[in-house]
Amino acid sequence: MSSLKDKAIDYFMNGYSCSESIVQAAIDDGLCDESLLPVATSFSGGMSSGCVCGALAAAQIISGYNFGRNNSKNNPVQARENAKALVESFKERNKATCCKILSGGRQGMERKIHCQKMVGDACELVENMFKAVV
């Protein structure tokens, strides 16, 4: 059985963006609905502007889907606590949350190889988030 991280990295290295790869892996694992994949597209590459890392944004999408207002768990306070924890933990691991800083100007395959770490880190944080609420 592949972990969320393994699935996401496989998707990432085979054509999906950072945000799409994490959301698709979460869909595969039943953590969110397939309707979120198109939403994830707009967060790729720091929202195509180099701002917030798309991997971190995908983790936030999954958290909001599961813990945000009007969902089955209906706990917006938990969603906000998760949001803060995701950002802080991601920043501890990577020293930044900005795509431009994280990618360091890399392009093409060099960037993909480098950004695998951020995809993996975001997946680990998502998995830890779900373990914490079980």
Protein backbone atom coordinates (compact mmCIF):
# COMPACT_ATOMS: atom_id res chain seq x y z
CA MET A 1 0.00 0.00 0.00
CA SER A 2 1.44 3.36 -1.03
CA SER A 3 1.42 6.26 1.35
CA LEU A 4 -0.17 9.58 0.50
CA LYS A 5 3.35 10.94 0.06
CA ASP A 6 4.39 8.20 -2.37
CA LYS A 7 1.24 8.60 -4.44
CA ALA A 8 1.55 12.39 -4.56
CA ILE A 9 5.21 12.30 -5.58
CA ASP A 10 4.36 9.81 -8.33
CA TYR A 11 1.59 12.08 -9.63
CA PHE A 12 3.91 15.09 -9.34
CA MET A 13 6.70 13.48 -11.31
CA ASN A 14 4.25 12.32 -13.97
CA GLY A 15 2.57 15.54 -15.04
CA TYR A 16 0.49 16.84 -12.16
CA SER A 17 1.43 20.09 -10.47
CA CYS A 18 2.45 20.19 -6.81
CA SER A 19 -1.02 21.14 -5.57
CA GLU A 20 -2.83 18.80 -7.97
CA SER A 21 -0.65 15.84 -7.05
CA ILE A 22 -1.43 16.12 -3.34
CA VAL A 23 -5.15 16.62 -3.87
CA GLN A 24 -5.30 13.69 -6.33
CA ALA A 25 -3.52 11.43 -3.84
CA ALA A 26 -5.96 12.60 -1.14
CA ILE A 27 -8.87 11.79 -3.47
CA ASP A 28 -7.41 8.33 -4.00
CA ASP A 29 -7.24 7.87 -0.22
CA GLY A 30 -10.80 9.10 0.33
CA LEU A 31 -9.72 12.27 2.13
CA CYS A 32 -11.56 14.60 -0.22
CA ASP A 33 -13.92 14.67 -3.16
CA GLU A 34 -12.77 14.53 -6.77
CA SER A 35 -14.39 17.91 -7.39
CA LEU A 36 -11.44 19.51 -5.58
CA LEU A 37 -8.87 18.58 -8.23
CA PRO A 38 -9.78 21.49 -10.53
CA VAL A 39 -9.64 23.82 -7.51
CA ALA A 40 -6.08 22.66 -6.82
CA THR A 41 -4.97 23.59 -10.34
CA SER A 42 -5.10 27.31 -9.62
CA PHE A 43 -2.70 26.91 -6.66
CA SER A 44 0.09 25.42 -8.79
CA GLY A 45 3.41 27.22 -8.79
CA GLY A 46 2.45 29.54 -5.98
CA MET A 47 -0.79 30.48 -7.73
CA SER A 48 1.30 31.01 -10.88
CA SER A 49 2.86 34.02 -9.19
CA GLY A 50 5.38 32.36 -6.91
CA CYS A 51 3.49 33.21 -3.73
CA VAL A 52 2.36 30.50 -1.30
CA CYS A 53 3.78 27.07 -2.15
CA GLY A 54 1.18 25.00 -4.01
CA ALA A 55 1.97 21.94 -1.88
CA LEU A 56 1.14 23.89 1.27
CA ALA A 57 -1.99 25.29 -0.39
CA ALA A 58 -3.13 21.75 -1.23
CA ALA A 59 -2.70 20.71 2.40
CA GLN A 60 -4.91 23.67 3.34
CA ILE A 61 -7.53 22.67 0.77
CA ILE A 62 -7.71 19.16 2.23
CA SER A 63 -7.91 20.49 5.78
CA GLY A 64 -10.66 22.94 4.90
CA TYR A 65 -12.61 20.26 3.09
CA ASN A 66 -12.50 17.99 6.12
CA PHE A 67 -12.73 20.46 8.97
CA GLY A 68 -14.22 23.65 7.52
CA ARG A 69 -17.67 25.08 7.90
CA ASN A 70 -20.70 23.09 6.70
CA ASN A 71 -18.98 19.77 6.21
CA SER A 72 -19.49 16.45 7.93
CA LYS A 73 -17.17 17.31 10.82
CA ASN A 74 -18.40 20.95 10.89
CA ASN A 75 -15.57 22.35 12.98
CA PRO A 76 -14.27 25.62 11.53
CA VAL A 77 -12.20 26.23 14.66
CA GLN A 78 -10.31 23.00 13.96
CA ALA A 79 -9.81 24.09 10.34
CA ARG A 80 -8.21 27.34 11.49
CA GLU A 81 -6.04 25.58 14.05
CA ASN A 82 -4.97 23.14 11.35
CA ALA A 83 -4.20 26.02 8.98
CA LYS A 84 -1.88 27.63 11.50
CA ALA A 85 -0.20 24.33 12.39
CA LEU A 86 0.30 23.43 8.72
CA VAL A 87 2.00 26.75 7.97
CA GLU A 88 4.17 26.63 11.08
CA SER A 89 5.22 23.02 10.53
CA PHE A 90 5.90 23.54 6.83
CA LYS A 91 7.99 26.62 7.65
CA GLU A 92 9.95 24.68 10.30
CA ARG A 93 10.82 22.05 7.71
CA ASN A 94 11.53 24.37 4.79
CA LYS A 95 12.30 27.81 6.29
CA ALA A 96 9.78 29.49 3.97
CA THR A 97 6.31 29.13 2.48
CA CYS A 98 6.90 31.20 -0.66
CA CYS A 99 7.21 29.22 -3.90
CA LYS A 100 9.78 31.64 -5.36
CA ILE A 101 12.05 31.20 -2.37
CA LEU A 102 11.51 27.45 -2.10
CA SER A 103 12.11 26.76 -5.78
CA GLY A 104 15.14 29.04 -5.90
CA GLY A 105 14.66 29.97 -9.54
CA ARG A 106 14.89 26.39 -10.73
CA GLN A 107 12.96 25.44 -13.84
CA GLY A 108 11.79 22.29 -15.60
CA MET A 109 12.90 18.90 -14.32
CA GLU A 110 15.43 20.43 -11.94
CA ARG A 111 12.58 22.22 -10.20
CA LYS A 112 10.40 19.07 -10.16
CA ILE A 113 13.17 17.09 -8.53
CA HIS A 114 13.80 19.83 -5.97
CA CYS A 115 10.11 20.38 -5.19
CA GLN A 116 9.48 16.69 -4.47
CA LYS A 117 10.57 17.49 -0.92
CA MET A 118 7.85 20.10 -0.46
CA VAL A 119 5.22 17.75 -1.91
CA GLY A 120 6.37 15.01 0.45
CA ASP A 121 6.49 17.33 3.45
CA ALA A 122 2.97 18.62 2.79
CA CYS A 123 1.68 15.05 2.54
CA GLU A 124 3.32 14.07 5.81
CA LEU A 125 1.73 17.09 7.48
CA VAL A 126 -1.70 16.12 6.11
CA GLU A 127 -1.26 12.56 7.37
CA ASN A 128 -0.18 13.86 10.78
CA MET A 129 -3.17 16.19 10.89
CA PHE A 130 -5.55 13.26 10.47
CA LYS A 131 -3.67 11.14 13.02
CA ALA A 132 -3.98 13.97 15.55
CA VAL A 133 -7.80 14.03 15.34
CA VAL A 134 -8.34 10.26 15.47
